[in-house]
C-alpha atoms as a PDB file:
ATOM      1  CA  MET A   1     -21.049  42.672 176.692  1.00  0.00           C
ATOM      2  CA  LEU A   2     -17.085  42.546 177.426  1.00  0.00           C
ATOM      3  CA  LYS A   3     -16.422  44.268 174.090  1.00  0.00           C
ATOM      4  CA  ARG A   4     -19.147  46.827 175.159  1.00  0.00           C
ATOM      5  CA  MET A   5     -17.309  47.427 178.214  1.00  0.00           C
ATOM      6  CA  THR A   6     -13.976  48.037 177.174  1.00  0.00           C
ATOM      7  CA  ALA A   7     -15.302  50.497 174.319  1.00  0.00           C
ATOM      8  CA  LEU A   8     -16.848  52.458 177.237  1.00  0.00           C
ATOM      9  CA  LEU A   9     -13.686  52.343 179.366  1.00  0.00           C
ATOM     10  CA  LEU A  10     -11.737  53.373 176.335  1.00  0.00           C
ATOM     11  CA  ALA A  11     -14.119  56.364 175.608  1.00  0.00           C
ATOM     12  CA  VAL A  12     -14.008  57.567 179.258  1.00  0.00           C
ATOM     13  CA  MET A  13     -10.081  57.502 179.354  1.00  0.00           C
ATOM     14  CA  ILE A  14     -10.004  59.667 176.135  1.00  0.00           C
ATOM     15  CA  LEU A  15     -12.379  62.061 177.245  1.00  0.00           C
ATOM     16  CA  THR A  16     -11.023  62.654 180.735  1.00  0.00           C
ATOM     17  CA  GLY A  17      -7.373  63.351 179.203  1.00  0.00           C
ATOM     18  CA  ILE A  18      -8.283  65.936 176.929  1.00  0.00           C
ATOM     19  CA  SER A  19      -8.958  69.590 178.004  1.00  0.00           C
ATOM     20  CA  LEU A  20      -8.503  72.795 175.926  1.00  0.00           C
ATOM     21  CA  LEU A  21      -7.913  76.328 177.183  1.00  0.00           C
ATOM     22  CA  SER A  22      -9.049  79.510 176.006  1.00  0.00           C
ATOM     23  CA  GLY A  23      -6.435  82.107 177.308  1.00  0.00           C
ATOM     24  CA  CYS A  24      -2.578  81.915 177.761  1.00  0.00           C
ATOM     25  CA  GLY A  25      -2.082  78.469 176.800  1.00  0.00           C
ATOM     26  CA  THR A  26      -3.664  74.853 176.275  1.00  0.00           C
ATOM     27  CA  VAL A  27      -3.539  71.762 178.434  1.00  0.00           C
ATOM     28  CA  GLU A  28      -2.794  69.631 175.660  1.00  0.00           C
ATOM     29  CA  ASN A  29       0.916  69.424 174.947  1.00  0.00           C
ATOM     30  CA  PRO A  30       1.849  66.813 172.364  1.00  0.00           C
ATOM     31  CA  THR A  31       5.176  65.799 171.333  1.00  0.00           C
ATOM     32  CA  THR A  32       6.167  62.483 170.292  1.00  0.00           C
ATOM     33  CA  GLY A  33       9.051  60.137 170.239  1.00  0.00           C
ATOM     34  CA  SER A  34       7.828  58.524 167.004  1.00  0.00           C
ATOM     35  CA  THR A  35       9.969  58.397 163.895  1.00  0.00           C
ATOM     36  CA  GLY A  36       8.469  60.315 161.152  1.00  0.00           C
ATOM     37  CA  THR A  37       4.549  60.302 162.241  1.00  0.00           C
ATOM     38  CA  SER A  38       2.713  62.542 164.824  1.00  0.00           C
ATOM     39  CA  SER A  39       1.712  61.320 168.001  1.00  0.00           C
ATOM     40  CA  THR A  40      -0.326  63.413 170.125  1.00  0.00           C
ATOM     41  CA  THR A  41      -0.846  63.230 173.659  1.00  0.00           C
ATOM     42  CA  THR A  42      -2.621  65.458 176.075  1.00  0.00           C
ATOM     43  CA  THR A  43      -1.897  66.297 179.755  1.00  0.00           C
ATOM     44  CA  GLY A  44      -5.029  65.638 181.381  1.00  0.00           C
ATOM     45  CA  THR A  45      -7.758  67.863 182.726  1.00  0.00           C
ATOM     46  CA  ALA A  46      -6.581  71.120 184.718  1.00  0.00           C
ATOM     47  CA  GLY A  47      -7.948  71.366 187.919  1.00  0.00           C
ATOM     48  CA  THR A  48      -7.014  68.038 189.408  1.00  0.00           C
ATOM     49  CA  THR A  49      -6.514  68.360 193.123  1.00  0.00           C
ATOM     50  CA  ASP A  50      -2.798  67.836 193.844  1.00  0.00           C
ATOM     51  CA  THR A  51      -0.624  68.267 196.857  1.00  0.00           C
ATOM     52  CA  THR A  52       2.901  69.684 197.270  1.00  0.00           C
ATOM     53  CA  GLY A  53       4.137  68.298 200.276  1.00  0.00           C
ATOM     54  CA  THR A  54       4.636  64.801 201.705  1.00  0.00           C
ATOM     55  CA  THR A  55       2.016  62.067 201.377  1.00  0.00           C
ATOM     56  CA  GLY A  56      -1.156  62.424 203.169  1.00  0.00           C
ATOM     57  CA  THR A  57      -0.871  66.272 203.477  1.00  0.00           C
ATOM     58  CA  THR A  58      -3.477  67.901 201.031  1.00  0.00           C
ATOM     59  CA  GLN A  59      -2.839  71.145 200.002  1.00  0.00           C
ATOM     60  CA  SER A  60      -4.831  71.377 197.035  1.00  0.00           C
ATOM     61  CA  SER A  61      -5.063  73.860 194.109  1.00  0.00           C
ATOM     62  CA  THR A  62      -7.679  73.894 191.618  1.00  0.00           C
ATOM     63  CA  ALA A  63      -6.934  75.135 188.113  1.00  0.00           C
ATOM     64  CA  PRO A  64      -9.323  77.718 186.503  1.00  0.00           C
ATOM     65  CA  THR A  65     -12.069  76.460 184.566  1.00  0.00           C
ATOM     66  CA  GLY A  66     -11.112  76.095 180.798  1.00  0.00           C
ATOM     67  CA  THR A  67      -7.338  76.119 181.330  1.00  0.00           C
ATOM     68  CA  THR A  68      -4.560  73.846 180.135  1.00  0.00           C
ATOM     69  CA  ALA A  69      -0.995  72.459 180.485  1.00  0.00           C
ATOM     70  CA  GLY A  70       1.929  74.622 180.715  1.00  0.00           C
ATOM     71  CA  SER A  71       5.802  74.995 181.330  1.00  0.00           C
ATOM     72  CA  GLN A  72       8.240  77.875 182.116  1.00  0.00           C
ATOM     73  CA  PRO A  73      11.737  79.464 182.856  1.00  0.00           C
ATOM     74  CA  SER A  74      14.817  79.176 184.893  1.00  0.00           C
ATOM     75  CA  THR A  75      14.327  82.219 187.241  1.00  0.00           C
ATOM     76  CA  VAL A  76      11.831  82.636 190.003  1.00  0.00           C
ATOM     77  CA  PRO A  77       9.671  85.399 191.483  1.00  0.00           C
ATOM     78  CA  SER A  78      11.171  86.990 194.501  1.00  0.00           C
ATOM     79  CA  GLY A  79      10.297  86.008 197.772  1.00  0.00           C
ATOM     80  CA  THR A  80      10.393  82.345 196.820  1.00  0.00           C
ATOM     81  CA  THR A  81      12.247  79.460 198.211  1.00  0.00           C
ATOM     82  CA  VAL A  82      14.220  77.401 195.815  1.00  0.00           C
ATOM     83  CA  ALA A  83      16.337  74.319 196.303  1.00  0.00           C
ATOM     84  CA  THR A  84      19.916  75.079 195.333  1.00  0.00           C
ATOM     85  CA  GLN A  85      20.685  73.167 191.989  1.00  0.00           C
ATOM     86  CA  PRO A  86      23.546  71.039 192.337  1.00  0.00           C
ATOM     87  CA  SER A  87      26.872  71.979 190.324  1.00  0.00           C
ATOM     88  CA  THR A  88      28.134  68.173 190.090  1.00  0.00           C
ATOM     89  CA  ALA A  89      27.245  66.004 187.094  1.00  0.00           C
ATOM     90  CA  PRO A  90      23.766  64.349 187.197  1.00  0.00           C
ATOM     91  CA  THR A  91      23.602  60.764 188.064  1.00  0.00           C
ATOM     92  CA  GLN A  92      23.975  58.170 185.462  1.00  0.00           C
ATOM     93  CA  ALA A  93      21.120  56.635 183.952  1.00  0.00           C
ATOM     94  CA  THR A  94      20.260  53.052 185.193  1.00  0.00           C
ATOM     95  CA  ASN A  95      18.440  50.211 183.677  1.00  0.00           C
ATOM     96  CA  PRO A  96      14.676  50.943 185.144  1.00  0.00           C
ATOM     97  CA  SER A  97      14.179  47.195 185.239  1.00  0.00           C
ATOM     98  CA  GLN A  98      16.596  46.928 188.128  1.00  0.00           C
ATOM     99  CA  PRO A  99      15.420  46.428 191.656  1.00  0.00           C
ATOM    100  CA  SER A 100      14.632  49.559 193.584  1.00  0.00           C
ATOM    101  CA  GLY A 101      17.301  50.410 196.469  1.00  0.00           C
ATOM    102  CA  SER A 102      17.057  51.316 200.101  1.00  0.00           C
ATOM    103  CA  ASP A 103      15.278  54.359 201.406  1.00  0.00           C
ATOM    104  CA  ASP A 104      18.610  56.197 202.242  1.00  0.00           C
ATOM    105  CA  GLU A 105      20.090  55.634 198.578  1.00  0.00           C
ATOM    106  CA  MET A 106      20.680  59.203 197.063  1.00  0.00           C
ATOM    107  CA  ILE A 107      18.719  59.772 193.894  1.00  0.00           C
ATOM    108  CA  GLY A 108      20.629  62.438 192.130  1.00  0.00           C
ATOM    109  CA  ASN A 109      22.488  65.072 194.504  1.00  0.00           C
ATOM    110  CA  LEU A 110      19.430  66.298 196.543  1.00  0.00           C
ATOM    111  CA  TYR A 111      17.010  63.493 197.418  1.00  0.00           C
ATOM    112  CA  THR A 112      17.331  59.989 198.885  1.00  0.00           C
ATOM    113  CA  ARG A 113      14.769  57.403 197.553  1.00  0.00           C
ATOM    114  CA  GLY A 114      12.735  57.639 200.768  1.00  0.00           C
ATOM    115  CA  GLU A 115      12.563  61.458 200.611  1.00  0.00           C
ATOM    116  CA  LEU A 116      10.910  61.031 196.716  1.00  0.00           C
ATOM    117  CA  MET A 117       8.696  58.412 197.875  1.00  0.00           C
ATOM    118  CA  ALA A 118       7.209  60.871 200.926  1.00  0.00           C
ATOM    119  CA  LEU A 119       6.300  63.412 198.152  1.00  0.00           C
ATOM    120  CA  ASN A 120       2.954  63.323 196.729  1.00  0.00           C
ATOM    121  CA  ASN A 121       2.682  61.804 193.399  1.00  0.00           C
ATOM    122  CA  ASP A 122      -0.963  62.464 192.289  1.00  0.00           C
ATOM    123  CA  THR A 123      -1.037  63.595 188.871  1.00  0.00           C
ATOM    124  CA  ARG A 124      -1.510  67.262 188.603  1.00  0.00           C
ATOM    125  CA  GLY A 125      -2.566  68.632 184.974  1.00  0.00           C
ATOM    126  CA  TYR A 126      -1.365  72.139 184.344  1.00  0.00           C
ATOM    127  CA  GLY A 127      -2.711  75.154 182.489  1.00  0.00           C
ATOM    128  CA  PRO A 128      -1.538  78.826 183.146  1.00  0.00           C
ATOM    129  CA  GLY A 129      -5.178  79.982 183.184  1.00  0.00           C
ATOM    130  CA  PRO A 130      -6.452  82.977 180.943  1.00  0.00           C
ATOM    131  CA  CYS A 131      -4.349  86.088 180.597  1.00  0.00           C
ATOM    132  CA  ASN A 132      -5.366  88.639 183.045  1.00  0.00           C
ATOM    133  CA  PRO A 133      -5.494  92.010 181.339  1.00  0.00           C
ATOM    134  CA  ASN A 134      -5.364  93.740 184.529  1.00  0.00           C
ATOM    135  CA  ASN A 135      -1.840  92.293 185.408  1.00  0.00           C
ATOM    136  CA  ASN A 136      -0.427  93.090 182.160  1.00  0.00           C
ATOM    137  CA  ASN A 137      -1.683  89.777 180.573  1.00  0.00           C
ATOM    138  CA  ARG A 138       0.151  87.548 183.232  1.00  0.00           C
ATOM    139  CA  ALA A 139      -1.563  84.343 183.821  1.00  0.00           C
ATOM    140  CA  GLU A 140      -2.456  84.160 187.587  1.00  0.00           C
ATOM    141  CA  TYR A 141      -2.932  80.440 187.835  1.00  0.00           C
ATOM    142  CA  ALA A 142       0.868  80.269 186.227  1.00  0.00           C
ATOM    143  CA  VAL A 143       1.818  82.650 188.720  1.00  0.00           C
ATOM    144  CA  GLY A 144       0.465  80.516 191.830  1.00  0.00           C
ATOM    145  CA  GLU A 145       1.853  77.423 190.490  1.00  0.00           C
ATOM    146  CA  GLN A 146       5.195  78.945 190.326  1.00  0.00           C
ATOM    147  CA  LYS A 147       4.965  80.066 193.972  1.00  0.00           C
ATOM    148  CA  ARG A 148       3.728  76.487 194.996  1.00  0.00           C
ATOM    149  CA  PHE A 149       6.242  74.233 193.296  1.00  0.00           C
ATOM    150  CA  ALA A 150       9.460  76.668 192.950  1.00  0.00           C
ATOM    151  CA  GLN A 151      11.160  74.578 195.715  1.00  0.00           C
ATOM    152  CA  TYR A 152      11.281  71.883 193.351  1.00  0.00           C
ATOM    153  CA  GLY A 153      13.159  73.608 190.591  1.00  0.00           C
ATOM    154  CA  ALA A 154       9.928  74.364 188.658  1.00  0.00           C
ATOM    155  CA  ASN A 155       9.227  77.104 186.159  1.00  0.00           C
ATOM    156  CA  PHE A 156       5.761  78.088 185.059  1.00  0.00           C
ATOM    157  CA  ILE A 157       6.272  81.723 184.475  1.00  0.00           C
ATOM    158  CA  ALA A 158       9.434  84.112 184.823  1.00  0.00           C
ATOM    159  CA  PRO A 159       9.493  87.162 187.071  1.00  0.00           C
ATOM    160  CA  ASP A 160       7.848  90.381 185.753  1.00  0.00           C
ATOM    161  CA  ASN A 161      10.992  91.150 184.194  1.00  0.00           C
ATOM    162  CA  GLY A 162      10.193  92.713 180.806  1.00  0.00           C
ATOM    163  CA  ASN A 163      11.559  89.597 178.983  1.00  0.00           C
ATOM    164  CA  ILE A 164       9.779  86.885 176.615  1.00  0.00           C
ATOM    165  CA  TYR A 165      11.228  83.467 176.254  1.00  0.00           C
ATOM    166  CA  LEU A 166      10.653  81.366 173.216  1.00  0.00           C
ATOM    167  CA  THR A 167      10.848  77.550 173.586  1.00  0.00           C
ATOM    168  CA  PHE A 168       9.829  74.901 170.899  1.00  0.00           C
ATOM    169  CA  ASP A 169       8.981  71.033 171.361  1.00  0.00           C
ATOM    170  CA  CYS A 170      10.928  68.843 168.966  1.00  0.00           C
ATOM    171  CA  GLY A 171       9.291  65.360 168.827  1.00  0.00           C
ATOM    172  CA  TYR A 172       9.535  64.684 165.374  1.00  0.00           C
ATOM    173  CA  GLU A 173      10.648  66.635 162.186  1.00  0.00           C
ATOM    174  CA  TYR A 174       8.188  67.742 159.801  1.00  0.00           C
ATOM    175  CA  THR A 175       8.999  68.718 156.127  1.00  0.00           C
ATOM    176  CA  THR A 176       6.776  71.069 154.062  1.00  0.00           C
ATOM    177  CA  THR A 177       7.190  73.040 150.707  1.00  0.00           C
ATOM    178  CA  VAL A 178       8.091  76.732 150.434  1.00  0.00           C
ATOM    179  CA  ASN A 179       8.149  78.421 147.139  1.00  0.00           C
ATOM    180  CA  GLY A 180       8.686  75.100 145.564  1.00  0.00           C
ATOM    181  CA  LYS A 181      11.156  73.607 147.683  1.00  0.00           C
ATOM    182  CA  GLN A 182      11.417  71.339 150.507  1.00  0.00           C
ATOM    183  CA  ILE A 183      12.479  72.625 153.731  1.00  0.00           C
ATOM    184  CA  ARG A 184      11.776  71.025 157.367  1.00  0.00           C
ATOM    185  CA  VAL A 185       9.999  73.212 159.643  1.00  0.00           C
ATOM    186  CA  THR A 186      12.563  73.599 162.385  1.00  0.00           C
ATOM    187  CA  GLU A 187      15.228  74.468 159.654  1.00  0.00           C
ATOM    188  CA  TRP A 188      12.985  77.341 158.678  1.00  0.00           C
ATOM    189  CA  ILE A 189      12.484  78.370 162.345  1.00  0.00           C
ATOM    190  CA  LEU A 190      16.336  78.274 162.800  1.00  0.00           C
ATOM    191  CA  ASN A 191      16.686  80.245 159.736  1.00  0.00           C
ATOM    192  CA  THR A 192      14.098  83.103 161.086  1.00  0.00           C
ATOM    193  CA  LEU A 193      15.877  83.145 164.763  1.00  0.00           C
ATOM    194  CA  LYS A 194      19.195  83.513 163.136  1.00  0.00           C
ATOM    195  CA  GLU A 195      17.934  86.583 160.885  1.00  0.00           C
ATOM    196  CA  LYS A 196      16.404  88.121 163.818  1.00  0.00           C
ATOM    197  CA  LYS A 197      19.216  87.242 166.191  1.00  0.00           C
ATOM    198  CA  VAL A 198      16.976  85.755 168.812  1.00  0.00           C
ATOM    199  CA  LYS A 199      17.853  82.598 170.977  1.00  0.00           C
ATOM    200  CA  ALA A 200      15.752  80.135 171.889  1.00  0.00           C
ATOM    201  CA  VAL A 201      15.077  76.734 173.838  1.00  0.00           C
ATOM    202  CA  PHE A 202      14.393  73.471 171.717  1.00  0.00           C
ATOM    203  CA  PHE A 203      13.293  70.367 173.883  1.00  0.00           C
ATOM    204  CA  VAL A 204      14.189  67.410 172.182  1.00  0.00           C
ATOM    205  CA  THR A 205      13.389  63.526 172.347  1.00  0.00           C
ATOM    206  CA  MET A 206      16.024  60.727 171.893  1.00  0.00           C
ATOM    207  CA  ASP A 207      14.102  59.675 168.430  1.00  0.00           C
ATOM    208  CA  TYR A 208      14.716  63.333 167.296  1.00  0.00           C
ATOM    209  CA  CYS A 209      18.235  63.355 168.153  1.00  0.00           C
ATOM    210  CA  LYS A 210      18.750  60.205 166.135  1.00  0.00           C
ATOM    211  CA  GLN A 211      16.688  61.386 163.322  1.00  0.00           C
ATOM    212  CA  SER A 212      17.748  65.232 162.948  1.00  0.00           C
ATOM    213  CA  PRO A 213      21.367  65.073 164.312  1.00  0.00           C
ATOM    214  CA  ASP A 214      22.224  67.936 162.026  1.00  0.00           C
ATOM    215  CA  LEU A 215      19.523  70.307 163.319  1.00  0.00           C
ATOM    216  CA  VAL A 216      20.484  69.531 166.688  1.00  0.00           C
ATOM    217  CA  GLN A 217      23.956  70.227 166.221  1.00  0.00           C
ATOM    218  CA  ARG A 218      22.881  73.495 164.556  1.00  0.00           C
ATOM    219  CA  MET A 219      20.856  74.696 167.415  1.00  0.00           C
ATOM    220  CA  ILE A 220      24.083  74.141 169.872  1.00  0.00           C
ATOM    221  CA  ASP A 221      26.135  75.932 166.838  1.00  0.00           C
ATOM    222  CA  GLU A 222      23.903  78.813 166.926  1.00  0.00           C
ATOM    223  CA  GLY A 223      23.701  79.457 170.462  1.00  0.00           C
ATOM    224  CA  HIS A 224      20.562  78.044 171.417  1.00  0.00           C
ATOM    225  CA  ALA A 225      19.605  75.937 174.324  1.00  0.00           C
ATOM    226  CA  VAL A 226      18.922  72.167 173.708  1.00  0.00           C
ATOM    227  CA  GLY A 227      16.362  71.040 176.316  1.00  0.00           C
ATOM    228  CA  ASN A 228      15.516  67.463 177.769  1.00  0.00           C
ATOM    229  CA  HIS A 229      12.082  66.223 176.569  1.00  0.00           C
ATOM    230  CA  SER A 230      12.612  62.438 177.802  1.00  0.00           C
ATOM    231  CA  ASN A 231      13.627  59.507 176.095  1.00  0.00           C
ATOM    232  CA  THR A 232      10.387  58.170 174.973  1.00  0.00           C
ATOM    233  CA  HIS A 233       7.954  60.865 176.161  1.00  0.00           C
ATOM    234  CA  PRO A 234       6.076  59.134 179.146  1.00  0.00           C
ATOM    235  CA  ASP A 235       3.795  60.864 181.718  1.00  0.00           C
ATOM    236  CA  MET A 236       6.375  61.252 184.335  1.00  0.00           C
ATOM    237  CA  THR A 237       3.813  60.990 187.242  1.00  0.00           C
ATOM    238  CA  THR A 238       3.031  57.389 186.154  1.00  0.00           C
ATOM    239  CA  ILE A 239       6.424  55.813 185.753  1.00  0.00           C
ATOM    240  CA  SER A 240       8.698  54.605 188.796  1.00  0.00           C
ATOM    241  CA  ILE A 241      11.359  56.774 190.123  1.00  0.00           C
ATOM    242  CA  ASP A 242      13.980  54.527 188.223  1.00  0.00           C
ATOM    243  CA  ARG A 243      12.367  54.686 185.157  1.00  0.00           C
ATOM    244  CA  ALA A 244      12.105  58.476 185.455  1.00  0.00           C
ATOM    245  CA  VAL A 245      15.866  58.609 186.065  1.00  0.00           C
ATOM    246  CA  TYR A 246      16.397  56.442 183.124  1.00  0.00           C
ATOM    247  CA  GLU A 247      14.067  58.603 180.878  1.00  0.00           C
ATOM    248  CA  VAL A 248      16.238  61.881 181.782  1.00  0.00           C
ATOM    249  CA  MET A 249      19.643  60.295 182.073  1.00  0.00           C
ATOM    250  CA  SER A 250      19.720  58.146 178.911  1.00  0.00           C
ATOM    251  CA  LEU A 251      18.897  61.111 176.797  1.00  0.00           C
ATOM    252  CA  HIS A 252      21.305  63.476 178.580  1.00  0.00           C
ATOM    253  CA  GLU A 253      24.110  60.847 178.463  1.00  0.00           C
ATOM    254  CA  TYR A 254      23.284  60.571 174.818  1.00  0.00           C
ATOM    255  CA  VAL A 255      23.433  64.112 173.937  1.00  0.00           C
ATOM    256  CA  GLU A 256      26.682  64.846 175.957  1.00  0.00           C
ATOM    257  CA  GLU A 257      28.328  61.809 174.204  1.00  0.00           C
ATOM    258  CA  ASN A 258      27.179  62.762 170.854  1.00  0.00           C
ATOM    259  CA  PHE A 259      27.212  66.390 170.740  1.00  0.00           C
ATOM    260  CA  GLY A 260      29.395  67.505 173.532  1.00  0.00           C
ATOM    261  CA  TYR A 261      26.653  69.030 175.128  1.00  0.00           C
ATOM    262  CA  LYS A 262      25.199  69.155 178.505  1.00  0.00           C
ATOM    263  CA  MET A 263      21.478  69.832 179.026  1.00  0.00           C
ATOM    264  CA  THR A 264      20.173  71.534 182.308  1.00  0.00           C
ATOM    265  CA  LEU A 265      16.463  72.160 181.218  1.00  0.00           C
ATOM    266  CA  PHE A 266      13.566  69.693 181.329  1.00  0.00           C
ATOM    267  CA  ARG A 267      10.162  69.827 180.211  1.00  0.00           C
ATOM    268  CA  PRO A 268       7.797  67.098 181.309  1.00  0.00           C
ATOM    269  CA  PRO A 269       6.204  65.035 178.435  1.00  0.00           C
ATOM    270  CA  THR A 270       2.308  66.062 178.288  1.00  0.00           C
ATOM    271  CA  GLY A 271       2.814  68.737 181.023  1.00  0.00           C
ATOM    272  CA  ASN A 272       1.676  66.464 183.682  1.00  0.00           C
ATOM    273  CA  PHE A 273       3.757  66.752 186.683  1.00  0.00           C
ATOM    274  CA  SER A 274       3.566  65.949 190.666  1.00  0.00           C
ATOM    275  CA  ALA A 275       5.921  67.175 193.729  1.00  0.00           C
ATOM    276  CA  ARG A 276       7.699  63.835 193.280  1.00  0.00           C
ATOM    277  CA  SER A 277       8.186  64.062 189.421  1.00  0.00           C
ATOM    278  CA  LEU A 278       9.347  67.275 189.707  1.00  0.00           C
ATOM    279  CA  ALA A 279      11.759  66.814 192.645  1.00  0.00           C
ATOM    280  CA  VAL A 280      13.388  63.572 190.778  1.00  0.00           C
ATOM    281  CA  VAL A 281      14.187  65.933 187.969  1.00  0.00           C
ATOM    282  CA  GLN A 282      15.524  68.540 189.949  1.00  0.00           C
ATOM    283  CA  SER A 283      17.502  65.938 192.023  1.00  0.00           C
ATOM    284  CA  LEU A 284      19.198  65.132 188.506  1.00  0.00           C
ATOM    285  CA  GLY A 285      20.685  68.706 187.997  1.00  0.00           C
ATOM    286  CA  TYR A 286      17.545  69.807 185.833  1.00  0.00           C
ATOM    287  CA  LYS A 287      15.235  72.680 185.917  1.00  0.00           C
ATOM    288  CA  ASN A 288      11.825  71.809 185.009  1.00  0.00           C
ATOM    289  CA  VAL A 289      10.347  74.335 182.361  1.00  0.00           C
ATOM    290  CA  HIS A 290       6.477  74.606 181.939  1.00  0.00           C
ATOM    291  CA  TRP A 291       5.061  77.551 180.210  1.00  0.00           C
ATOM    292  CA  SER A 292       2.600  80.344 180.503  1.00  0.00           C
ATOM    293  CA  PHE A 293       1.452  80.463 176.888  1.00  0.00           C
ATOM    294  CA  ALA A 294       0.703  77.832 174.468  1.00  0.00           C
ATOM    295  CA  TYR A 295      -2.267  77.133 171.812  1.00  0.00           C
ATOM    296  CA  VAL A 296      -3.137  74.256 169.561  1.00  0.00           C
ATOM    297  CA  ASP A 297      -0.294  74.335 166.886  1.00  0.00           C
ATOM    298  CA  TRP A 298       0.728  70.751 166.638  1.00  0.00           C
ATOM    299  CA  LYS A 299      -1.991  69.461 164.273  1.00  0.00           C
ATOM    300  CA  THR A 300      -0.004  69.227 160.747  1.00  0.00           C
ATOM    301  CA  ASP A 301      -3.155  68.381 159.021  1.00  0.00           C
ATOM    302  CA  ASP A 302      -5.292  71.089 160.776  1.00  0.00           C
ATOM    303  CA  GLN A 303      -2.850  74.204 161.334  1.00  0.00           C
ATOM    304  CA  PRO A 304      -4.174  77.489 162.518  1.00  0.00           C
ATOM    305  CA  GLU A 305      -5.055  80.327 160.074  1.00  0.00           C
ATOM    306  CA  VAL A 306      -1.815  82.648 159.750  1.00  0.00           C
ATOM    307  CA  SER A 307      -3.381  85.907 160.631  1.00  0.00           C
ATOM    308  CA  SER A 308      -5.192  84.754 163.702  1.00  0.00           C
ATOM    309  CA  ALA A 309      -2.263  82.947 165.059  1.00  0.00           C
ATOM    310  CA  LEU A 310      -0.242  85.871 164.703  1.00  0.00           C
ATOM    311  CA  ASN A 311      -2.871  87.776 166.725  1.00  0.00           C
ATOM    312  CA  ASN A 312      -3.342  85.225 169.220  1.00  0.00           C
ATOM    313  CA  VAL A 313       0.458  84.793 170.031  1.00  0.00           C
ATOM    314  CA  THR A 314       1.169  88.510 170.086  1.00  0.00           C
ATOM    315  CA  SER A 315      -2.021  90.133 171.803  1.00  0.00           C
ATOM    316  CA  LYS A 316      -1.335  87.693 174.943  1.00  0.00           C
ATOM    317  CA  ALA A 317       2.331  88.860 175.127  1.00  0.00           C
ATOM    318  CA  HIS A 318       3.312  89.367 178.855  1.00  0.00           C
ATOM    319  CA  SER A 319       6.145  90.235 180.787  1.00  0.00           C
ATOM    320  CA  GLY A 320       8.294  86.988 181.882  1.00  0.00           C
ATOM    321  CA  ALA A 321       6.376  85.144 179.300  1.00  0.00           C
ATOM    322  CA  ILE A 322       7.575  81.387 178.453  1.00  0.00           C
ATOM    323  CA  TYR A 323       6.040  80.397 175.244  1.00  0.00           C
ATOM    324  CA  LEU A 324       5.454  76.870 174.031  1.00  0.00           C
ATOM    325  CA  LEU A 325       5.447  76.375 170.398  1.00  0.00           C
ATOM    326  CA  HIS A 326       5.765  73.286 168.501  1.00  0.00           C
ATOM    327  CA  ALA A 327       8.488  72.921 165.785  1.00  0.00           C
ATOM    328  CA  VAL A 328       6.318  70.790 163.556  1.00  0.00           C
ATOM    329  CA  SER A 329       3.798  73.773 162.885  1.00  0.00           C
ATOM    330  CA  VAL A 330       4.244  75.515 159.549  1.00  0.00           C
ATOM    331  CA  THR A 331       2.054  78.314 160.837  1.00  0.00           C
ATOM    332  CA  ASN A 332       4.487  79.094 163.696  1.00  0.00           C
ATOM    333  CA  ALA A 333       7.090  79.110 161.022  1.00  0.00           C
ATOM    334  CA  THR A 334       5.334  81.442 159.046  1.00  0.00           C
ATOM    335  CA  ILE A 335       4.244  84.002 161.838  1.00  0.00           C
ATOM    336  CA  LEU A 336       7.626  83.892 163.830  1.00  0.00           C
ATOM    337  CA  GLY A 337       9.619  86.618 162.211  1.00  0.00           C
ATOM    338  CA  ASP A 338       6.260  89.200 162.449  1.00  0.00           C
ATOM    339  CA  ALA A 339       5.661  88.059 165.859  1.00  0.00           C
ATOM    340  CA  ILE A 340       9.049  88.828 167.143  1.00  0.00           C
ATOM    341  CA  ASP A 341       9.081  92.322 165.782  1.00  0.00           C
ATOM    342  CA  ALA A 342       5.530  92.613 167.357  1.00  0.00           C
ATOM    343  CA  PHE A 343       6.921  91.590 170.565  1.00  0.00           C
ATOM    344  CA  ILE A 344       9.891  93.990 170.312  1.00  0.00           C
ATOM    345  CA  ASP A 345       7.513  96.756 169.199  1.00  0.00           C
ATOM    346  CA  LYS A 346       5.666  96.171 172.452  1.00  0.00           C
ATOM    347  CA  GLY A 347       8.547  96.762 174.600  1.00  0.00           C
ATOM    348  CA  PHE A 348       9.590  93.163 175.128  1.00  0.00           C
ATOM    349  CA  ASN A 349      13.060  91.685 175.087  1.00  0.00           C
ATOM    350  CA  LEU A 350      13.815  88.298 173.922  1.00  0.00           C
ATOM    351  CA  GLU A 351      15.870  86.348 175.950  1.00  0.00           C
ATOM    352  CA  LEU A 352      17.166  82.866 176.240  1.00  0.00           C
ATOM    353  CA  PHE A 353      15.816  80.749 179.056  1.00  0.00           C
ATOM    354  CA  GLN A 354      18.552  79.076 181.275  1.00  0.00           C
END
């Protein structure tokens, strides 16, 4: 009986954690911290009721049916209120096992522990929703979330500025064979970006930095932005404030010490977020970057067909788009050059999100 109940509970957990999107993105956002192996995680079903203010204040917002999770750029639409990003260096990483401090203790440079604890921490699954052809393909739900959470340094979609921003998640490296030669997929992507003279953001984990330091250094040397995807890739809404600081700052300090590079962009693992998790990251001097387009591209043993993927990626192009692509995808590496050409032919500029 106990075994049967346990199996049922596991099945419910798995089913409620998976949501697929037809439209501008997917709720599933994998990425790993594992060495050499893929570990796919999902963001949870979009449409979860969440609040943006203090605990007890319900300001619910439900994602459109069939949407999935996403992340975005450093700029925000006009008319929104954004807390000023601190110019000082972020707080150092602390051991998450240490006891919590007092309510008036500063966590980073913007909020006290008490202020962060007062913010709602309900897990909010994100999906940009379907592209709206009546609004130049811009995903309306992403626009709504942008306005709702801009005060916490969140970026779900950029302003309607004619730009497209490419971002890649790097949890581990995947090697494939091209013309009889072995090549790492991120290396292939970097080669294409260099050829096309396009810059992108690469969100890395600690494991990726340790396993592929030459590629991280190349990203920096060639003018791309390296973003923080956390140390171990946890759901940031399910961990303590101290653990969240550790997840961000331990990787921040490692990259600064080993590559001489200071990261300023953070992509929440799995895409899940809350007002509190966004504010913690913001207080550490980071911008939270979600996305307004994503698709199921991370399954290395079940890659999208090339022509259909190219059509999917290019037909949903929109002004201010933040593209989430995974750097383990052979399909992404194959279509990247043609996709960039198609974006330019459509009149978009390819810019670096920063």
